[in-house]
Amino acid sequence: MLAVKKDYETARNKAFTVVNSENNKKHSVLFKIDKNEWSCDCKWNSLKETHCSHIKAVISKLDKEKVKSLIKNLGV
């Protein structure tokens, strides 16, 4: 399972650490807001032209947080 932790957010970037709970490996994921571009320090991301599992985990977490926020604002 991949755990996602937000490290920091600036006007230009959002940085995350993704940890694999099975082997305790950590990866750094960066979202460049102005370019709408994701990057990760894993081999997969440097070799392939698709998002790695670490980037997908961050996107999934952000989507879930958006849904929770919308529900809270609706009072459901």
PDB file of N, CA and C in Angstrom:
ATOM      1  N   MET A   1       0.841  -1.182   0.000  1.00  0.00           N
ATOM      2  CA  MET A   1       0.000   0.000   0.000  1.00  0.00           C
ATOM      3  C   MET A   1       0.887   1.247   0.000  1.00  0.00           C
ATOM      4  N   LEU A   2       0.450   2.260  -0.704  1.00  0.00           N
ATOM      5  CA  LEU A   2       1.203   3.506  -0.788  1.00  0.00           C
ATOM      6  C   LEU A   2       0.570   4.571   0.104  1.00  0.00           C
ATOM      7  N   ALA A   3       1.398   5.169   0.944  1.00  0.00           N
ATOM      8  CA  ALA A   3       0.952   6.256   1.821  1.00  0.00           C
ATOM      9  C   ALA A   3       1.476   7.572   1.253  1.00  0.00           C
ATOM     10  N   VAL A   4       0.618   8.585   1.235  1.00  0.00           N
ATOM     11  CA  VAL A   4       0.968   9.884   0.650  1.00  0.00           C
ATOM     12  C   VAL A   4       1.011  10.946   1.739  1.00  0.00           C
ATOM     13  N   LYS A   5       2.086  11.727   1.735  1.00  0.00           N
ATOM     14  CA  LYS A   5       2.229  12.837   2.676  1.00  0.00           C
ATOM     15  C   LYS A   5       2.582  14.095   1.891  1.00  0.00           C
ATOM     16  N   LYS A   6       1.840  15.161   2.126  1.00  0.00           N
ATOM     17  CA  LYS A   6       2.133  16.434   1.469  1.00  0.00           C
ATOM     18  C   LYS A   6       3.302  17.087   2.208  1.00  0.00           C
ATOM     19  N   ASP A   7       4.352  17.440   1.472  1.00  0.00           N
ATOM     20  CA  ASP A   7       5.525  18.063   2.070  1.00  0.00           C
ATOM     21  C   ASP A   7       5.390  19.581   2.130  1.00  0.00           C
ATOM     22  N   TYR A   8       5.052  20.181   0.989  1.00  0.00           N
ATOM     23  CA  TYR A   8       4.873  21.631   0.962  1.00  0.00           C
ATOM     24  C   TYR A   8       4.091  22.040  -0.276  1.00  0.00           C
ATOM     25  N   GLU A   9       3.614  23.282  -0.246  1.00  0.00           N
ATOM     26  CA  GLU A   9       2.905  23.854  -1.390  1.00  0.00           C
ATOM     27  C   GLU A   9       3.306  25.304  -1.512  1.00  0.00           C
ATOM     28  N   THR A  10       3.683  25.699  -2.720  1.00  0.00           N
ATOM     29  CA  THR A  10       3.984  27.102  -3.018  1.00  0.00           C
ATOM     30  C   THR A  10       3.047  27.538  -4.135  1.00  0.00           C
ATOM     31  N   ALA A  11       3.206  28.739  -4.603  1.00  0.00           N
ATOM     32  CA  ALA A  11       2.379  29.227  -5.715  1.00  0.00           C
ATOM     33  C   ALA A  11       2.673  28.457  -7.005  1.00  0.00           C
ATOM     34  N   ARG A  12       3.873  27.863  -7.097  1.00  0.00           N
ATOM     35  CA  ARG A  12       4.275  27.178  -8.326  1.00  0.00           C
ATOM     36  C   ARG A  12       4.319  25.655  -8.226  1.00  0.00           C
ATOM     37  N   ASN A  13       4.509  25.110  -7.015  1.00  0.00           N
ATOM     38  CA  ASN A  13       4.714  23.669  -6.859  1.00  0.00           C
ATOM     39  C   ASN A  13       3.977  23.090  -5.667  1.00  0.00           C
ATOM     40  N   LYS A  14       3.666  21.789  -5.788  1.00  0.00           N
ATOM     41  CA  LYS A  14       3.184  20.997  -4.660  1.00  0.00           C
ATOM     42  C   LYS A  14       4.091  19.772  -4.598  1.00  0.00           C
ATOM     43  N   ALA A  15       4.631  19.497  -3.407  1.00  0.00           N
ATOM     44  CA  ALA A  15       5.556  18.374  -3.254  1.00  0.00           C
ATOM     45  C   ALA A  15       4.988  17.355  -2.278  1.00  0.00           C
ATOM     46  N   PHE A  16       5.199  16.084  -2.587  1.00  0.00           N
ATOM     47  CA  PHE A  16       4.674  14.988  -1.793  1.00  0.00           C
ATOM     48  C   PHE A  16       5.749  13.919  -1.612  1.00  0.00           C
ATOM     49  N   THR A  17       5.637  13.162  -0.524  1.00  0.00           N
ATOM     50  CA  THR A  17       6.434  11.957  -0.329  1.00  0.00           C
ATOM     51  C   THR A  17       5.472  10.788  -0.344  1.00  0.00           C
ATOM     52  N   VAL A  18       5.817   9.764  -1.122  1.00  0.00           N
ATOM     53  CA  VAL A  18       5.002   8.558  -1.200  1.00  0.00           C
ATOM     54  C   VAL A  18       5.846   7.404  -0.662  1.00  0.00           C
ATOM     55  N   VAL A  19       5.287   6.698   0.339  1.00  0.00           N
ATOM     56  CA  VAL A  19       6.003   5.598   0.983  1.00  0.00           C
ATOM     57  C   VAL A  19       5.264   4.293   0.735  1.00  0.00           C
ATOM     58  N   ASN A  20       6.006   3.283   0.277  1.00  0.00           N
ATOM     59  CA  ASN A  20       5.458   1.952   0.097  1.00  0.00           C
ATOM     60  C   ASN A  20       5.557   1.233   1.434  1.00  0.00           C
ATOM     61  N   SER A  21       4.416   0.878   2.032  1.00  0.00           N
ATOM     62  CA  SER A  21       4.414   0.277   3.361  1.00  0.00           C
ATOM     63  C   SER A  21       4.986  -1.140   3.367  1.00  0.00           C
ATOM     64  N   GLU A  22       5.042  -1.798   2.220  1.00  0.00           N
ATOM     65  CA  GLU A  22       5.580  -3.159   2.157  1.00  0.00           C
ATOM     66  C   GLU A  22       7.101  -3.196   2.239  1.00  0.00           C
ATOM     67  N   ASN A  23       7.775  -2.256   1.572  1.00  0.00           N
ATOM     68  CA  ASN A  23       9.244  -2.271   1.565  1.00  0.00           C
ATOM     69  C   ASN A  23       9.863  -0.984   2.119  1.00  0.00           C
ATOM     70  N   ASN A  24       9.020  -0.067   2.554  1.00  0.00           N
ATOM     71  CA  ASN A  24       9.445   1.203   3.161  1.00  0.00           C
ATOM     72  C   ASN A  24      10.248   2.103   2.213  1.00  0.00           C
ATOM     73  N   LYS A  25      10.122   1.892   0.908  1.00  0.00           N
ATOM     74  CA  LYS A  25      10.807   2.767  -0.050  1.00  0.00           C
ATOM     75  C   LYS A  25      10.035   4.072  -0.178  1.00  0.00           C
ATOM     76  N   LYS A  26      10.792   5.182  -0.271  1.00  0.00           N
ATOM     77  CA  LYS A  26      10.191   6.509  -0.381  1.00  0.00           C
ATOM     78  C   LYS A  26      10.491   7.101  -1.749  1.00  0.00           C
ATOM     79  N   HIS A  27       9.501   7.833  -2.266  1.00  0.00           N
ATOM     80  CA  HIS A  27       9.684   8.533  -3.541  1.00  0.00           C
ATOM     81  C   HIS A  27       9.141   9.949  -3.416  1.00  0.00           C
ATOM     82  N   SER A  28       9.787  10.863  -4.097  1.00  0.00           N
ATOM     83  CA  SER A  28       9.369  12.265  -4.104  1.00  0.00           C
ATOM     84  C   SER A  28       8.581  12.547  -5.372  1.00  0.00           C
ATOM     85  N   VAL A  29       7.397  13.120  -5.185  1.00  0.00           N
ATOM     86  CA  VAL A  29       6.524  13.478  -6.304  1.00  0.00           C
ATOM     87  C   VAL A  29       6.337  14.990  -6.283  1.00  0.00           C
ATOM     88  N   LEU A  30       6.446  15.594  -7.453  1.00  0.00           N
ATOM     89  CA  LEU A  30       6.312  17.046  -7.568  1.00  0.00           C
ATOM     90  C   LEU A  30       5.280  17.376  -8.640  1.00  0.00           C
ATOM     91  N   PHE A  31       4.377  18.295  -8.317  1.00  0.00           N
ATOM     92  CA  PHE A  31       3.416  18.804  -9.293  1.00  0.00           C
ATOM     93  C   PHE A  31       3.752  20.264  -9.562  1.00  0.00           C
ATOM     94  N   LYS A  32       4.083  20.571 -10.819  1.00  0.00           N
ATOM     95  CA  LYS A  32       4.368  21.943 -11.229  1.00  0.00           C
ATOM     96  C   LYS A  32       3.050  22.566 -11.682  1.00  0.00           C
ATOM     97  N   ILE A  33       2.531  23.440 -10.845  1.00  0.00           N
ATOM     98  CA  ILE A  33       1.194  24.000 -11.052  1.00  0.00           C
ATOM     99  C   ILE A  33       1.106  24.778 -12.356  1.00  0.00           C
ATOM    100  N   ASP A  34       2.073  25.658 -12.602  1.00  0.00           N
ATOM    101  CA  ASP A  34       2.011  26.514 -13.789  1.00  0.00           C
ATOM    102  C   ASP A  34       2.121  25.721 -15.095  1.00  0.00           C
ATOM    103  N   LYS A  35       2.780  24.570 -15.067  1.00  0.00           N
ATOM    104  CA  LYS A  35       2.924  23.749 -16.270  1.00  0.00           C
ATOM    105  C   LYS A  35       1.948  22.569 -16.295  1.00  0.00           C
ATOM    106  N   ASN A  36       1.186  22.382 -15.187  1.00  0.00           N
ATOM    107  CA  ASN A  36       0.276  21.243 -15.055  1.00  0.00           C
ATOM    108  C   ASN A  36       1.026  19.946 -15.355  1.00  0.00           C
ATOM    109  N   GLU A  37       2.191  19.783 -14.684  1.00  0.00           N
ATOM    110  CA  GLU A  37       3.111  18.693 -14.989  1.00  0.00           C
ATOM    111  C   GLU A  37       3.521  17.941 -13.723  1.00  0.00           C
ATOM    112  N   TRP A  38       3.479  16.603 -13.787  1.00  0.00           N
ATOM    113  CA  TRP A  38       3.866  15.746 -12.673  1.00  0.00           C
ATOM    114  C   TRP A  38       5.241  15.158 -12.920  1.00  0.00           C
ATOM    115  N   SER A  39       6.002  14.939 -11.833  1.00  0.00           N
ATOM    116  CA  SER A  39       7.266  14.215 -11.934  1.00  0.00           C
ATOM    117  C   SER A  39       7.476  13.413 -10.652  1.00  0.00           C
ATOM    118  N   CYS A  40       8.261  12.340 -10.790  1.00  0.00           N
ATOM    119  CA  CYS A  40       8.583  11.476  -9.659  1.00  0.00           C
ATOM    120  C   CYS A  40      10.033  11.042  -9.820  1.00  0.00           C
ATOM    121  N   ASP A  41      10.685  10.744  -8.703  1.00  0.00           N
ATOM    122  CA  ASP A  41      12.092  10.352  -8.776  1.00  0.00           C
ATOM    123  C   ASP A  41      12.306   8.851  -9.010  1.00  0.00           C
ATOM    124  N   CYS A  42      11.244   8.103  -9.295  1.00  0.00           N
ATOM    125  CA  CYS A  42      11.394   6.662  -9.519  1.00  0.00           C
ATOM    126  C   CYS A  42      11.861   6.371 -10.950  1.00  0.00           C
ATOM    127  N   LYS A  43      12.378   5.154 -11.143  1.00  0.00           N
ATOM    128  CA  LYS A  43      12.859   4.742 -12.469  1.00  0.00           C
ATOM    129  C   LYS A  43      11.744   4.723 -13.503  1.00  0.00           C
ATOM    130  N   TRP A  44      10.571   4.227 -13.095  1.00  0.00           N
ATOM    131  CA  TRP A  44       9.441   4.113 -14.028  1.00  0.00           C
ATOM    132  C   TRP A  44       9.137   5.456 -14.669  1.00  0.00           C
ATOM    133  N   ASN A  45       9.055   6.485 -13.842  1.00  0.00           N
ATOM    134  CA  ASN A  45       8.695   7.809 -14.352  1.00  0.00           C
ATOM    135  C   ASN A  45       9.761   8.342 -15.314  1.00  0.00           C
ATOM    136  N   SER A  46      11.017   8.021 -15.074  1.00  0.00           N
ATOM    137  CA  SER A  46      12.070   8.515 -15.958  1.00  0.00           C
ATOM    138  C   SER A  46      12.144   7.733 -17.268  1.00  0.00           C
ATOM    139  N   LEU A  47      11.630   6.492 -17.282  1.00  0.00           N
ATOM    140  CA  LEU A  47      11.721   5.659 -18.478  1.00  0.00           C
ATOM    141  C   LEU A  47      10.443   5.615 -19.312  1.00  0.00           C
ATOM    142  N   LYS A  48       9.314   5.811 -18.695  1.00  0.00           N
ATOM    143  CA  LYS A  48       8.027   5.698 -19.391  1.00  0.00           C
ATOM    144  C   LYS A  48       7.396   7.073 -19.586  1.00  0.00           C
ATOM    145  N   GLU A  49       6.437   7.123 -20.466  1.00  0.00           N
ATOM    146  CA  GLU A  49       5.742   8.387 -20.721  1.00  0.00           C
ATOM    147  C   GLU A  49       4.367   8.422 -20.073  1.00  0.00           C
ATOM    148  N   THR A  50       4.140   7.552 -19.096  1.00  0.00           N
ATOM    149  CA  THR A  50       2.879   7.530 -18.375  1.00  0.00           C
ATOM    150  C   THR A  50       3.151   7.761 -16.900  1.00  0.00           C
ATOM    151  N   HIS A  51       2.121   8.098 -16.143  1.00  0.00           N
ATOM    152  CA  HIS A  51       2.281   8.316 -14.711  1.00  0.00           C
ATOM    153  C   HIS A  51       2.612   7.009 -14.004  1.00  0.00           C
ATOM    154  N   CYS A  52       3.533   7.080 -13.059  1.00  0.00           N
ATOM    155  CA  CYS A  52       3.877   5.923 -12.234  1.00  0.00           C
ATOM    156  C   CYS A  52       2.832   5.761 -11.126  1.00  0.00           C
ATOM    157  N   SER A  53       2.935   4.675 -10.382  1.00  0.00           N
ATOM    158  CA  SER A  53       1.975   4.404  -9.304  1.00  0.00           C
ATOM    159  C   SER A  53       2.063   5.448  -8.194  1.00  0.00           C
ATOM    160  N   HIS A  54       3.230   6.062  -8.031  1.00  0.00           N
ATOM    161  CA  HIS A  54       3.401   7.075  -6.984  1.00  0.00           C
ATOM    162  C   HIS A  54       2.612   8.347  -7.322  1.00  0.00           C
ATOM    163  N   ILE A  55       2.687   8.771  -8.567  1.00  0.00           N
ATOM    164  CA  ILE A  55       1.923   9.935  -9.022  1.00  0.00           C
ATOM    165  C   ILE A  55       0.425   9.629  -8.957  1.00  0.00           C
ATOM    166  N   LYS A  56       0.033   8.420  -9.386  1.00  0.00           N
ATOM    167  CA  LYS A  56      -1.380   8.028  -9.342  1.00  0.00           C
ATOM    168  C   LYS A  56      -1.902   8.021  -7.908  1.00  0.00           C
ATOM    169  N   ALA A  57      -1.064   7.617  -6.950  1.00  0.00           N
ATOM    170  CA  ALA A  57      -1.480   7.609  -5.543  1.00  0.00           C
ATOM    171  C   ALA A  57      -1.741   9.026  -5.046  1.00  0.00           C
ATOM    172  N   VAL A  58      -0.895   9.969  -5.441  1.00  0.00           N
ATOM    173  CA  VAL A  58      -1.081  11.372  -5.035  1.00  0.00           C
ATOM    174  C   VAL A  58      -2.358  11.922  -5.659  1.00  0.00           C
ATOM    175  N   ILE A  59      -2.560  11.675  -6.944  1.00  0.00           N
ATOM    176  CA  ILE A  59      -3.759  12.161  -7.637  1.00  0.00           C
ATOM    177  C   ILE A  59      -5.015  11.590  -6.981  1.00  0.00           C
ATOM    178  N   SER A  60      -4.982  10.313  -6.651  1.00  0.00           N
ATOM    179  CA  SER A  60      -6.121   9.678  -6.001  1.00  0.00           C
ATOM    180  C   SER A  60      -6.420  10.321  -4.655  1.00  0.00           C
ATOM    181  N   LYS A  61      -5.386  10.576  -3.878  1.00  0.00           N
ATOM    182  CA  LYS A  61      -5.583  11.209  -2.571  1.00  0.00           C
ATOM    183  C   LYS A  61      -6.175  12.613  -2.734  1.00  0.00           C
ATOM    184  N   LEU A  62      -5.666  13.380  -3.685  1.00  0.00           N
ATOM    185  CA  LEU A  62      -6.177  14.736  -3.906  1.00  0.00           C
ATOM    186  C   LEU A  62      -7.635  14.708  -4.350  1.00  0.00           C
ATOM    187  N   ASP A  63      -7.987  13.739  -5.198  1.00  0.00           N
ATOM    188  CA  ASP A  63      -9.382  13.602  -5.642  1.00  0.00           C
ATOM    189  C   ASP A  63     -10.300  13.276  -4.461  1.00  0.00           C
ATOM    190  N   LYS A  64      -9.865  12.370  -3.591  1.00  0.00           N
ATOM    191  CA  LYS A  64     -10.673  12.004  -2.416  1.00  0.00           C
ATOM    192  C   LYS A  64     -10.858  13.202  -1.490  1.00  0.00           C
ATOM    193  N   GLU A  65      -9.803  13.999  -1.322  1.00  0.00           N
ATOM    194  CA  GLU A  65      -9.905  15.190  -0.471  1.00  0.00           C
ATOM    195  C   GLU A  65     -10.885  16.197  -1.053  1.00  0.00           C
ATOM    196  N   LYS A  66     -10.903  16.331  -2.383  1.00  0.00           N
ATOM    197  CA  LYS A  66     -11.851  17.240  -3.043  1.00  0.00           C
ATOM    198  C   LYS A  66     -13.284  16.799  -2.789  1.00  0.00           C
ATOM    199  N   VAL A  67     -13.539  15.507  -2.935  1.00  0.00           N
ATOM    200  CA  VAL A  67     -14.883  14.967  -2.725  1.00  0.00           C
ATOM    201  C   VAL A  67     -15.325  15.198  -1.283  1.00  0.00           C
ATOM    202  N   LYS A  68     -14.449  14.918  -0.321  1.00  0.00           N
ATOM    203  CA  LYS A  68     -14.771  15.129   1.078  1.00  0.00           C
ATOM    204  C   LYS A  68     -15.096  16.601   1.358  1.00  0.00           C
ATOM    205  N   SER A  69     -14.324  17.481   0.754  1.00  0.00           N
ATOM    206  CA  SER A  69     -14.550  18.915   0.926  1.00  0.00           C
ATOM    207  C   SER A  69     -15.898  19.346   0.356  1.00  0.00           C
ATOM    208  N   LEU A  70     -16.225  18.828  -0.831  1.00  0.00           N
ATOM    209  CA  LEU A  70     -17.515  19.149  -1.459  1.00  0.00           C
ATOM    210  C   LEU A  70     -18.670  18.650  -0.612  1.00  0.00           C
ATOM    211  N   ILE A  71     -18.565  17.433  -0.099  1.00  0.00           N
ATOM    212  CA  ILE A  71     -19.623  16.878   0.756  1.00  0.00           C
ATOM    213  C   ILE A  71     -19.783  17.706   2.024  1.00  0.00           C
ATOM    214  N   LYS A  72     -18.661  18.080   2.606  1.00  0.00           N
ATOM    215  CA  LYS A  72     -18.706  18.883   3.833  1.00  0.00           C
ATOM    216  C   LYS A  72     -19.381  20.235   3.559  1.00  0.00           C
ATOM    217  N   ASN A  73     -19.045  20.859   2.446  1.00  0.00           N
ATOM    218  CA  ASN A  73     -19.630  22.153   2.101  1.00  0.00           C
ATOM    219  C   ASN A  73     -21.116  22.055   1.789  1.00  0.00           C
ATOM    220  N   LEU A  74     -21.573  20.898   1.318  1.00  0.00           N
ATOM    221  CA  LEU A  74     -22.986  20.687   1.018  1.00  0.00           C
ATOM    222  C   LEU A  74     -23.767  20.331   2.290  1.00  0.00           C
ATOM    223  N   GLY A  75     -23.036  19.968   3.346  1.00  0.00           N
ATOM    224  CA  GLY A  75     -23.692  19.593   4.596  1.00  0.00           C
ATOM    225  C   GLY A  75     -24.313  18.217   4.560  1.00  0.00           C
ATOM    226  N   VAL A  76     -23.783  17.359   3.727  1.00  0.00           N
ATOM    227  CA  VAL A  76     -24.327  15.986   3.600  1.00  0.00           C
ATOM    228  C   VAL A  76     -23.687  15.087   4.629  1.00  0.00           C
TER     229      VAL A  76
END
